[in-house]
Amino acid sequence: MTESGVDVSIERKDESRPEEGGRRDPNTCPSCRSHYRDDELRAALRVCPHCGHHFPMPARERIDSLADPDTFEEESADLRSADPLDFFDLRPYRERLAEAELETGLGEAIVIGSALLDGHPCELSVMDFAFMGGSMGSAVGEKFVRACESAAERSVPLISVTASGGARMQEGILSLMQLPKTVCAVEDMHDAGGALFSVMAHPTTAGVLASFASLGDVIVAEPGALLAFTGRRVVQQTTREKLPDDFGLAESNLRFGHIDGIVHRPELRPFLARLLRLFSHER
């Protein structure tokens, strides 16, 4: 486990090399070493123009890239995690939550709300790995459930974008209870005639992969994303076997039929717009 509460190792092989001083510059491409200004990365949807590497994308930027301008209406924005176990490791859990909120500007590791995408109504559920590794605690699970309920009530598809290290260790068994809770919410939405489009960004692992992220009617991933229950290093240490170079990556998951496709970020909006047209209840 890491200090942020992520329960798996999630480093991609090409992102493990630090810059001088021990830290990798977040604006330097780990694949081709090109460096960009913040505004250049934002304009390119945080995709390297030279080699196509997909940088992590904050939830707010993701929503702006998908939703039609001024159509996103956030829901349950005031929902926050409690500290039911009064958890303390190196630092109090409440302190970590406050720090994550200050650093990201988010109240939790997921943002939900209604929106239009290319004129089609939908519900958005977008995770942000920068908030404690996108870990799923009680508040994250509850917000996803509310997104499912909102989609079912309005008879619109739910678009879920995941980026998570798994269950949040600071909430113990309560975080693991979010797995069946979110699975039941997706099932209820399906029973109401709703659809789930799951977009897996790097990394989508552990409890989130083992629950709602894998239940989409259509499941796609971004190139190079790690989609595995646990990371390569943990599996190698456990099995003492050499793993393929693409173990757990989106390309490997596509080859084995675990996902329906790999969609580059600039193509994601038109791809989802087409799905919304196909799954629309309007005649």
C-alpha atoms as a PDB file:
ATOM      1  CA  MET A   1       0.000   0.000   0.000  1.00  0.00           C
ATOM      2  CA  THR A   2       1.152   3.526  -0.668  1.00  0.00           C
ATOM      3  CA  GLU A   3       0.883   6.527   1.614  1.00  0.00           C
ATOM      4  CA  SER A   4      -2.106   7.794  -0.351  1.00  0.00           C
ATOM      5  CA  GLY A   5      -4.114   4.641   0.281  1.00  0.00           C
ATOM      6  CA  VAL A   6      -3.696   2.985  -3.110  1.00  0.00           C
ATOM      7  CA  ASP A   7      -3.643  -0.790  -2.736  1.00  0.00           C
ATOM      8  CA  VAL A   8      -1.700  -1.743  -5.865  1.00  0.00           C
ATOM      9  CA  SER A   9       1.469  -0.829  -7.740  1.00  0.00           C
ATOM     10  CA  ILE A  10       0.403   1.168 -10.779  1.00  0.00           C
ATOM     11  CA  GLU A  11       3.535   2.517 -12.440  1.00  0.00           C
ATOM     12  CA  ARG A  12       3.750   1.993 -16.167  1.00  0.00           C
ATOM     13  CA  LYS A  13       7.135   0.740 -17.233  1.00  0.00           C
ATOM     14  CA  ASP A  14       8.057   3.933 -19.120  1.00  0.00           C
ATOM     15  CA  GLU A  15       7.039   6.171 -16.214  1.00  0.00           C
ATOM     16  CA  SER A  16       9.379   4.656 -13.648  1.00  0.00           C
ATOM     17  CA  ARG A  17      12.447   6.682 -14.662  1.00  0.00           C
ATOM     18  CA  PRO A  18      12.897   9.815 -12.539  1.00  0.00           C
ATOM     19  CA  GLU A  19      14.430  13.039 -13.666  1.00  0.00           C
ATOM     20  CA  GLU A  20      17.540  14.441 -11.981  1.00  0.00           C
ATOM     21  CA  GLY A  21      16.827  15.049  -8.333  1.00  0.00           C
ATOM     22  CA  GLY A  22      14.669  11.910  -8.077  1.00  0.00           C
ATOM     23  CA  ARG A  23      11.356  13.267  -9.375  1.00  0.00           C
ATOM     24  CA  ARG A  24       9.889  13.127 -12.862  1.00  0.00           C
ATOM     25  CA  ASP A  25       8.650  16.422 -14.222  1.00  0.00           C
ATOM     26  CA  PRO A  26       4.882  15.959 -14.741  1.00  0.00           C
ATOM     27  CA  ASN A  27       5.063  17.962 -17.985  1.00  0.00           C
ATOM     28  CA  THR A  28       7.822  15.815 -19.490  1.00  0.00           C
ATOM     29  CA  CYS A  29       6.690  12.899 -21.631  1.00  0.00           C
ATOM     30  CA  PRO A  30       8.044   9.658 -20.118  1.00  0.00           C
ATOM     31  CA  SER A  31       8.107   8.017 -23.543  1.00  0.00           C
ATOM     32  CA  CYS A  32       9.878  10.525 -25.809  1.00  0.00           C
ATOM     33  CA  ARG A  33      11.131  13.020 -23.185  1.00  0.00           C
ATOM     34  CA  SER A  34       9.440  15.996 -24.853  1.00  0.00           C
ATOM     35  CA  HIS A  35       8.598  18.814 -22.461  1.00  0.00           C
ATOM     36  CA  TYR A  36       5.492  21.010 -22.587  1.00  0.00           C
ATOM     37  CA  ARG A  37       3.997  24.018 -20.882  1.00  0.00           C
ATOM     38  CA  ASP A  38       0.752  23.544 -18.973  1.00  0.00           C
ATOM     39  CA  ASP A  39      -1.279  25.396 -21.587  1.00  0.00           C
ATOM     40  CA  GLU A  40       0.242  23.286 -24.389  1.00  0.00           C
ATOM     41  CA  LEU A  41      -0.722  20.063 -22.620  1.00  0.00           C
ATOM     42  CA  ARG A  42      -4.249  21.292 -21.930  1.00  0.00           C
ATOM     43  CA  ALA A  43      -4.717  22.294 -25.568  1.00  0.00           C
ATOM     44  CA  ALA A  44      -3.555  18.819 -26.661  1.00  0.00           C
ATOM     45  CA  LEU A  45      -5.945  17.097 -24.201  1.00  0.00           C
ATOM     46  CA  ARG A  46      -2.812  16.032 -22.295  1.00  0.00           C
ATOM     47  CA  VAL A  47      -1.667  13.788 -25.127  1.00  0.00           C
ATOM     48  CA  CYS A  48       1.939  14.086 -26.307  1.00  0.00           C
ATOM     49  CA  PRO A  49       1.839  15.459 -29.886  1.00  0.00           C
ATOM     50  CA  HIS A  50       5.085  13.667 -30.725  1.00  0.00           C
ATOM     51  CA  CYS A  51       4.520  10.099 -29.546  1.00  0.00           C
ATOM     52  CA  GLY A  52       0.868   9.955 -28.436  1.00  0.00           C
ATOM     53  CA  HIS A  53       1.566   9.223 -24.769  1.00  0.00           C
ATOM     54  CA  HIS A  54      -1.531   9.920 -22.651  1.00  0.00           C
ATOM     55  CA  PHE A  55      -0.760  12.003 -19.569  1.00  0.00           C
ATOM     56  CA  PRO A  56      -3.108  11.815 -16.560  1.00  0.00           C
ATOM     57  CA  MET A  57      -6.113  14.101 -17.034  1.00  0.00           C
ATOM     58  CA  PRO A  58      -7.828  15.926 -14.151  1.00  0.00           C
ATOM     59  CA  ALA A  59     -11.542  15.222 -13.760  1.00  0.00           C
ATOM     60  CA  ARG A  60     -12.605  18.810 -14.501  1.00  0.00           C
ATOM     61  CA  GLU A  61     -10.571  18.902 -17.712  1.00  0.00           C
ATOM     62  CA  ARG A  62     -12.002  15.548 -18.713  1.00  0.00           C
ATOM     63  CA  ILE A  63     -15.536  16.814 -18.242  1.00  0.00           C
ATOM     64  CA  ASP A  64     -14.761  19.962 -20.249  1.00  0.00           C
ATOM     65  CA  SER A  65     -13.388  17.800 -23.065  1.00  0.00           C
ATOM     66  CA  LEU A  66     -16.529  15.651 -23.214  1.00  0.00           C
ATOM     67  CA  ALA A  67     -19.517  17.824 -22.282  1.00  0.00           C
ATOM     68  CA  ASP A  68     -20.965  20.523 -24.514  1.00  0.00           C
ATOM     69  CA  PRO A  69     -20.030  23.993 -23.230  1.00  0.00           C
ATOM     70  CA  ASP A  70     -22.008  25.164 -20.171  1.00  0.00           C
ATOM     71  CA  THR A  71     -24.160  22.021 -20.028  1.00  0.00           C
ATOM     72  CA  PHE A  72     -22.550  20.126 -17.153  1.00  0.00           C
ATOM     73  CA  GLU A  73     -24.473  20.391 -13.896  1.00  0.00           C
ATOM     74  CA  GLU A  74     -22.632  18.814 -10.995  1.00  0.00           C
ATOM     75  CA  GLU A  75     -24.522  16.655  -8.525  1.00  0.00           C
ATOM     76  CA  SER A  76     -23.755  15.777  -4.887  1.00  0.00           C
ATOM     77  CA  ALA A  77     -20.821  18.192  -4.869  1.00  0.00           C
ATOM     78  CA  ASP A  78     -21.050  18.603  -1.097  1.00  0.00           C
ATOM     79  CA  LEU A  79     -20.650  14.885  -0.335  1.00  0.00           C
ATOM     80  CA  ARG A  80     -17.457  14.210   1.632  1.00  0.00           C
ATOM     81  CA  SER A  81     -15.782  11.191   3.202  1.00  0.00           C
ATOM     82  CA  ALA A  82     -16.111  10.673   6.929  1.00  0.00           C
ATOM     83  CA  ASP A  83     -13.472   9.022   9.118  1.00  0.00           C
ATOM     84  CA  PRO A  84     -15.452   6.092  10.577  1.00  0.00           C
ATOM     85  CA  LEU A  85     -12.353   4.271  11.854  1.00  0.00           C
ATOM     86  CA  ASP A  86     -10.544   7.366  13.192  1.00  0.00           C
ATOM     87  CA  PHE A  87      -7.719   6.095  10.996  1.00  0.00           C
ATOM     88  CA  PHE A  88      -4.126   7.104  11.596  1.00  0.00           C
ATOM     89  CA  ASP A  89      -1.001   5.723   9.936  1.00  0.00           C
ATOM     90  CA  LEU A  90       1.811   8.190   9.361  1.00  0.00           C
ATOM     91  CA  ARG A  91      -0.799  10.959   9.356  1.00  0.00           C
ATOM     92  CA  PRO A  92      -4.493  11.239  10.243  1.00  0.00           C
ATOM     93  CA  TYR A  93      -6.937  10.303   7.478  1.00  0.00           C
ATOM     94  CA  ARG A  94      -8.783  13.596   7.915  1.00  0.00           C
ATOM     95  CA  GLU A  95      -5.533  15.437   7.231  1.00  0.00           C
ATOM     96  CA  ARG A  96      -4.989  13.471   4.027  1.00  0.00           C
ATOM     97  CA  LEU A  97      -8.520  14.265   2.856  1.00  0.00           C
ATOM     98  CA  ALA A  98      -8.064  17.973   3.516  1.00  0.00           C
ATOM     99  CA  GLU A  99      -4.732  17.982   1.692  1.00  0.00           C
ATOM    100  CA  ALA A 100      -6.201  16.160  -1.318  1.00  0.00           C
ATOM    101  CA  GLU A 101      -9.056  18.661  -1.514  1.00  0.00           C
ATOM    102  CA  LEU A 102      -6.659  21.611  -1.410  1.00  0.00           C
ATOM    103  CA  GLU A 103      -4.384  20.103  -4.083  1.00  0.00           C
ATOM    104  CA  THR A 104      -7.120  19.057  -6.516  1.00  0.00           C
ATOM    105  CA  GLY A 105      -9.986  21.442  -5.780  1.00  0.00           C
ATOM    106  CA  LEU A 106     -12.274  18.405  -5.538  1.00  0.00           C
ATOM    107  CA  GLY A 107     -14.319  17.193  -2.610  1.00  0.00           C
ATOM    108  CA  GLU A 108     -13.732  13.553  -3.521  1.00  0.00           C
ATOM    109  CA  ALA A 109     -12.028  11.317  -6.075  1.00  0.00           C
ATOM    110  CA  ILE A 110     -15.094  11.336  -8.350  1.00  0.00           C
ATOM    111  CA  VAL A 111     -17.215  14.043  -9.972  1.00  0.00           C
ATOM    112  CA  ILE A 112     -20.746  13.278 -11.178  1.00  0.00           C
ATOM    113  CA  GLY A 113     -23.436  15.277 -12.942  1.00  0.00           C
ATOM    114  CA  SER A 114     -25.721  15.631 -15.931  1.00  0.00           C
ATOM    115  CA  ALA A 115     -24.557  16.991 -19.265  1.00  0.00           C
ATOM    116  CA  LEU A 116     -25.094  17.132 -23.001  1.00  0.00           C
ATOM    117  CA  LEU A 117     -22.562  15.491 -25.301  1.00  0.00           C
ATOM    118  CA  ASP A 118     -22.952  16.540 -28.920  1.00  0.00           C
ATOM    119  CA  GLY A 119     -26.489  17.532 -28.032  1.00  0.00           C
ATOM    120  CA  HIS A 120     -27.356  14.168 -26.451  1.00  0.00           C
ATOM    121  CA  PRO A 121     -28.276  14.065 -22.736  1.00  0.00           C
ATOM    122  CA  CYS A 122     -26.183  11.807 -20.515  1.00  0.00           C
ATOM    123  CA  GLU A 123     -24.891  11.358 -16.995  1.00  0.00           C
ATOM    124  CA  LEU A 124     -21.153  11.692 -16.346  1.00  0.00           C
ATOM    125  CA  SER A 125     -19.119   9.979 -13.634  1.00  0.00           C
ATOM    126  CA  VAL A 126     -15.438  10.916 -13.813  1.00  0.00           C
ATOM    127  CA  MET A 127     -12.696   9.817 -11.417  1.00  0.00           C
ATOM    128  CA  ASP A 128      -9.514  11.752 -10.643  1.00  0.00           C
ATOM    129  CA  PHE A 129      -6.378   9.798  -9.732  1.00  0.00           C
ATOM    130  CA  ALA A 130      -4.811  12.897  -8.183  1.00  0.00           C
ATOM    131  CA  PHE A 131      -7.252  12.652  -5.254  1.00  0.00           C
ATOM    132  CA  MET A 132      -5.657   9.961  -3.060  1.00  0.00           C
ATOM    133  CA  GLY A 133      -4.914   7.754  -6.032  1.00  0.00           C
ATOM    134  CA  GLY A 134      -8.546   7.742  -7.135  1.00  0.00           C
ATOM    135  CA  SER A 135      -9.208   5.332  -4.270  1.00  0.00           C
ATOM    136  CA  MET A 136     -12.812   4.292  -3.670  1.00  0.00           C
ATOM    137  CA  GLY A 137     -14.217   4.921  -0.217  1.00  0.00           C
ATOM    138  CA  SER A 138     -17.780   5.306   0.996  1.00  0.00           C
ATOM    139  CA  ALA A 139     -18.290   8.734  -0.566  1.00  0.00           C
ATOM    140  CA  VAL A 140     -16.968   7.645  -3.971  1.00  0.00           C
ATOM    141  CA  GLY A 141     -19.241   4.600  -3.947  1.00  0.00           C
ATOM    142  CA  GLU A 142     -22.240   6.670  -2.885  1.00  0.00           C
ATOM    143  CA  LYS A 143     -21.654   9.270  -5.594  1.00  0.00           C
ATOM    144  CA  PHE A 144     -21.400   6.599  -8.277  1.00  0.00           C
ATOM    145  CA  VAL A 145     -24.648   5.039  -7.024  1.00  0.00           C
ATOM    146  CA  ARG A 146     -26.342   8.449  -7.214  1.00  0.00           C
ATOM    147  CA  ALA A 147     -25.071   8.831 -10.792  1.00  0.00           C
ATOM    148  CA  CYS A 148     -26.671   5.481 -11.672  1.00  0.00           C
ATOM    149  CA  GLU A 149     -29.936   6.539 -10.051  1.00  0.00           C
ATOM    150  CA  SER A 150     -29.928   9.882 -11.856  1.00  0.00           C
ATOM    151  CA  ALA A 151     -29.273   8.181 -15.209  1.00  0.00           C
ATOM    152  CA  ALA A 152     -32.120   5.724 -14.594  1.00  0.00           C
ATOM    153  CA  GLU A 153     -34.551   8.457 -13.537  1.00  0.00           C
ATOM    154  CA  ARG A 154     -33.815  10.539 -16.634  1.00  0.00           C
ATOM    155  CA  SER A 155     -33.572   7.507 -18.967  1.00  0.00           C
ATOM    156  CA  VAL A 156     -30.143   8.534 -20.235  1.00  0.00           C
ATOM    157  CA  PRO A 157     -26.889   6.551 -20.548  1.00  0.00           C
ATOM    158  CA  LEU A 158     -24.189   6.845 -17.897  1.00  0.00           C
ATOM    159  CA  ILE A 159     -20.627   7.517 -19.067  1.00  0.00           C
ATOM    160  CA  SER A 160     -18.101   6.372 -16.484  1.00  0.00           C
ATOM    161  CA  VAL A 161     -14.429   7.379 -16.733  1.00  0.00           C
ATOM    162  CA  THR A 162     -12.294   5.518 -14.215  1.00  0.00           C
ATOM    163  CA  ALA A 163      -8.762   6.077 -12.895  1.00  0.00           C
ATOM    164  CA  SER A 164      -8.204   4.359  -9.583  1.00  0.00           C
ATOM    165  CA  GLY A 165      -5.764   2.370  -7.494  1.00  0.00           C
ATOM    166  CA  GLY A 166      -8.605   0.502  -5.803  1.00  0.00           C
ATOM    167  CA  ALA A 167     -10.349   0.487  -2.439  1.00  0.00           C
ATOM    168  CA  ARG A 168      -9.343   3.132   0.129  1.00  0.00           C
ATOM    169  CA  MET A 169      -7.522   1.384   2.956  1.00  0.00           C
ATOM    170  CA  GLN A 170      -8.284   4.133   5.486  1.00  0.00           C
ATOM    171  CA  GLU A 171     -11.949   3.070   5.510  1.00  0.00           C
ATOM    172  CA  GLY A 172     -11.311  -0.655   5.901  1.00  0.00           C
ATOM    173  CA  ILE A 173     -14.237  -2.983   5.222  1.00  0.00           C
ATOM    174  CA  LEU A 174     -16.502  -0.014   4.475  1.00  0.00           C
ATOM    175  CA  SER A 175     -14.485   0.677   1.329  1.00  0.00           C
ATOM    176  CA  LEU A 176     -14.751  -2.970   0.226  1.00  0.00           C
ATOM    177  CA  MET A 177     -18.520  -2.805   0.708  1.00  0.00           C
ATOM    178  CA  GLN A 178     -18.612  -0.302  -2.151  1.00  0.00           C
ATOM    179  CA  LEU A 179     -17.898  -3.127  -4.608  1.00  0.00           C
ATOM    180  CA  PRO A 180     -21.247  -4.920  -4.224  1.00  0.00           C
ATOM    181  CA  LYS A 181     -22.995  -1.584  -3.669  1.00  0.00           C
ATOM    182  CA  THR A 182     -21.870  -0.175  -7.028  1.00  0.00           C
ATOM    183  CA  VAL A 183     -22.492  -3.483  -8.814  1.00  0.00           C
ATOM    184  CA  CYS A 184     -26.091  -3.517  -7.547  1.00  0.00           C
ATOM    185  CA  ALA A 185     -26.539   0.106  -8.666  1.00  0.00           C
ATOM    186  CA  VAL A 186     -25.450  -0.777 -12.215  1.00  0.00           C
ATOM    187  CA  GLU A 187     -27.805  -3.772 -12.209  1.00  0.00           C
ATOM    188  CA  ASP A 188     -30.715  -1.585 -11.085  1.00  0.00           C
ATOM    189  CA  MET A 189     -29.901   0.901 -13.832  1.00  0.00           C
ATOM    190  CA  HIS A 190     -29.856  -1.888 -16.411  1.00  0.00           C
ATOM    191  CA  ASP A 191     -33.197  -3.164 -15.103  1.00  0.00           C
ATOM    192  CA  ALA A 192     -34.582   0.329 -15.714  1.00  0.00           C
ATOM    193  CA  GLY A 193     -33.410   0.169 -19.329  1.00  0.00           C
ATOM    194  CA  GLY A 194     -30.274   2.262 -18.868  1.00  0.00           C
ATOM    195  CA  ALA A 195     -26.848   1.783 -20.418  1.00  0.00           C
ATOM    196  CA  LEU A 196     -23.318   2.169 -19.045  1.00  0.00           C
ATOM    197  CA  PHE A 197     -20.359   3.198 -21.188  1.00  0.00           C
ATOM    198  CA  SER A 198     -17.124   2.496 -19.320  1.00  0.00           C
ATOM    199  CA  VAL A 199     -13.945   4.356 -20.254  1.00  0.00           C
ATOM    200  CA  MET A 200     -10.860   3.074 -18.436  1.00  0.00           C
ATOM    201  CA  ALA A 201      -7.969   5.491 -18.060  1.00  0.00           C
ATOM    202  CA  HIS A 202      -4.580   4.728 -16.533  1.00  0.00           C
ATOM    203  CA  PRO A 203      -4.699   3.108 -14.059  1.00  0.00           C
ATOM    204  CA  THR A 204      -7.986   1.257 -13.492  1.00  0.00           C
ATOM    205  CA  THR A 205      -7.204  -1.441 -10.981  1.00  0.00           C
ATOM    206  CA  ALA A 206      -8.260  -3.503  -7.969  1.00  0.00           C
ATOM    207  CA  GLY A 207     -11.693  -2.810  -6.467  1.00  0.00           C
ATOM    208  CA  VAL A 208     -12.865  -0.410  -9.170  1.00  0.00           C
ATOM    209  CA  LEU A 209     -11.890  -2.812 -11.966  1.00  0.00           C
ATOM    210  CA  ALA A 210     -13.494  -5.675 -10.031  1.00  0.00           C
ATOM    211  CA  SER A 211     -16.789  -3.810  -9.689  1.00  0.00           C
ATOM    212  CA  PHE A 212     -18.542  -1.203 -11.809  1.00  0.00           C
ATOM    213  CA  ALA A 213     -15.737  -0.429 -14.299  1.00  0.00           C
ATOM    214  CA  SER A 214     -16.062  -3.899 -15.845  1.00  0.00           C
ATOM    215  CA  LEU A 215     -19.855  -3.829 -16.156  1.00  0.00           C
ATOM    216  CA  GLY A 216     -20.212  -1.433 -19.080  1.00  0.00           C
ATOM    217  CA  ASP A 217     -22.420  -2.278 -22.043  1.00  0.00           C
ATOM    218  CA  VAL A 218     -19.465  -0.917 -23.989  1.00  0.00           C
ATOM    219  CA  ILE A 219     -15.990  -0.944 -22.395  1.00  0.00           C
ATOM    220  CA  VAL A 220     -13.067   0.936 -23.897  1.00  0.00           C
ATOM    221  CA  ALA A 221      -9.692   2.057 -22.621  1.00  0.00           C
ATOM    222  CA  GLU A 222      -7.080   4.667 -23.389  1.00  0.00           C
ATOM    223  CA  PRO A 223      -3.821   3.470 -24.988  1.00  0.00           C
ATOM    224  CA  GLY A 224      -1.275   2.071 -22.556  1.00  0.00           C
ATOM    225  CA  ALA A 225      -3.625   2.154 -19.570  1.00  0.00           C
ATOM    226  CA  LEU A 226      -2.996  -0.387 -16.824  1.00  0.00           C
ATOM    227  CA  LEU A 227      -6.140  -2.474 -16.351  1.00  0.00           C
ATOM    228  CA  ALA A 228      -5.412  -5.166 -13.801  1.00  0.00           C
ATOM    229  CA  PHE A 229      -6.462  -6.282 -10.351  1.00  0.00           C
ATOM    230  CA  THR A 230      -2.945  -5.598  -9.145  1.00  0.00           C
ATOM    231  CA  GLY A 231       0.233  -4.240 -10.654  1.00  0.00           C
ATOM    232  CA  ARG A 232       3.003  -6.062 -12.477  1.00  0.00           C
ATOM    233  CA  ARG A 233       5.500  -5.855  -9.624  1.00  0.00           C
ATOM    234  CA  VAL A 234       3.109  -7.388  -7.090  1.00  0.00           C
ATOM    235  CA  VAL A 235       2.182 -10.278  -9.405  1.00  0.00           C
ATOM    236  CA  GLN A 236       5.829 -11.047 -10.206  1.00  0.00           C
ATOM    237  CA  GLN A 237       6.779 -11.050  -6.545  1.00  0.00           C
ATOM    238  CA  THR A 238       3.845 -13.334  -5.729  1.00  0.00           C
ATOM    239  CA  THR A 239       4.138 -15.839  -8.590  1.00  0.00           C
ATOM    240  CA  ARG A 240       7.929 -15.581  -9.056  1.00  0.00           C
ATOM    241  CA  GLU A 241       7.328 -15.776 -12.797  1.00  0.00           C
ATOM    242  CA  LYS A 242       8.384 -13.458 -15.583  1.00  0.00           C
ATOM    243  CA  LEU A 243       5.392 -11.645 -17.061  1.00  0.00           C
ATOM    244  CA  PRO A 244       4.877 -10.419 -20.643  1.00  0.00           C
ATOM    245  CA  ASP A 245       5.978  -6.853 -21.308  1.00  0.00           C
ATOM    246  CA  ASP A 246       2.374  -5.781 -21.911  1.00  0.00           C
ATOM    247  CA  PHE A 247       0.956  -7.505 -18.817  1.00  0.00           C
ATOM    248  CA  GLY A 248      -2.210  -5.763 -17.669  1.00  0.00           C
ATOM    249  CA  LEU A 249      -2.055  -3.027 -20.296  1.00  0.00           C
ATOM    250  CA  ALA A 250      -5.033  -2.021 -22.417  1.00  0.00           C
ATOM    251  CA  GLU A 251      -3.516  -3.654 -25.484  1.00  0.00           C
ATOM    252  CA  SER A 252      -3.226  -7.002 -23.690  1.00  0.00           C
ATOM    253  CA  ASN A 253      -6.780  -6.735 -22.340  1.00  0.00           C
ATOM    254  CA  LEU A 254      -8.074  -6.048 -25.862  1.00  0.00           C
ATOM    255  CA  ARG A 255      -6.247  -9.064 -27.243  1.00  0.00           C
ATOM    256  CA  PHE A 256      -7.899 -11.325 -24.676  1.00  0.00           C
ATOM    257  CA  GLY A 257     -11.353  -9.816 -25.168  1.00  0.00           C
ATOM    258  CA  HIS A 258     -11.628  -8.077 -21.799  1.00  0.00           C
ATOM    259  CA  ILE A 259     -12.458  -4.723 -23.406  1.00  0.00           C
ATOM    260  CA  ASP A 260     -14.226  -3.744 -26.616  1.00  0.00           C
ATOM    261  CA  GLY A 261     -11.687  -1.287 -27.960  1.00  0.00           C
ATOM    262  CA  ILE A 262      -8.896   1.209 -27.397  1.00  0.00           C
ATOM    263  CA  VAL A 263      -9.816   4.812 -28.092  1.00  0.00           C
ATOM    264  CA  HIS A 264      -7.293   7.633 -28.216  1.00  0.00           C
ATOM    265  CA  ARG A 265      -8.339  10.631 -26.157  1.00  0.00           C
ATOM    266  CA  PRO A 266      -8.889  13.035 -29.095  1.00  0.00           C
ATOM    267  CA  GLU A 267     -11.280  10.455 -30.591  1.00  0.00           C
ATOM    268  CA  LEU A 268     -13.169   9.762 -27.375  1.00  0.00           C
ATOM    269  CA  ARG A 269     -15.803  12.499 -27.651  1.00  0.00           C
ATOM    270  CA  PRO A 270     -16.986  11.570 -31.186  1.00  0.00           C
ATOM    271  CA  PHE A 271     -16.866   7.892 -30.213  1.00  0.00           C
ATOM    272  CA  LEU A 272     -19.116   8.467 -27.201  1.00  0.00           C
ATOM    273  CA  ALA A 273     -21.410  10.726 -29.236  1.00  0.00           C
ATOM    274  CA  ARG A 274     -21.945   7.864 -31.661  1.00  0.00           C
ATOM    275  CA  LEU A 275     -22.745   5.495 -28.789  1.00  0.00           C
ATOM    276  CA  LEU A 276     -25.261   7.978 -27.391  1.00  0.00           C
ATOM    277  CA  ARG A 277     -26.990   8.128 -30.779  1.00  0.00           C
ATOM    278  CA  LEU A 278     -27.108   4.327 -30.989  1.00  0.00           C
ATOM    279  CA  PHE A 279     -28.444   3.895 -27.449  1.00  0.00           C
ATOM    280  CA  SER A 280     -30.829   6.855 -27.526  1.00  0.00           C
ATOM    281  CA  HIS A 281     -34.436   6.226 -26.487  1.00  0.00           C
ATOM    282  CA  GLU A 282     -35.547   8.999 -28.831  1.00  0.00           C
ATOM    283  CA  ARG A 283     -37.171   7.920 -32.052  1.00  0.00           C
END
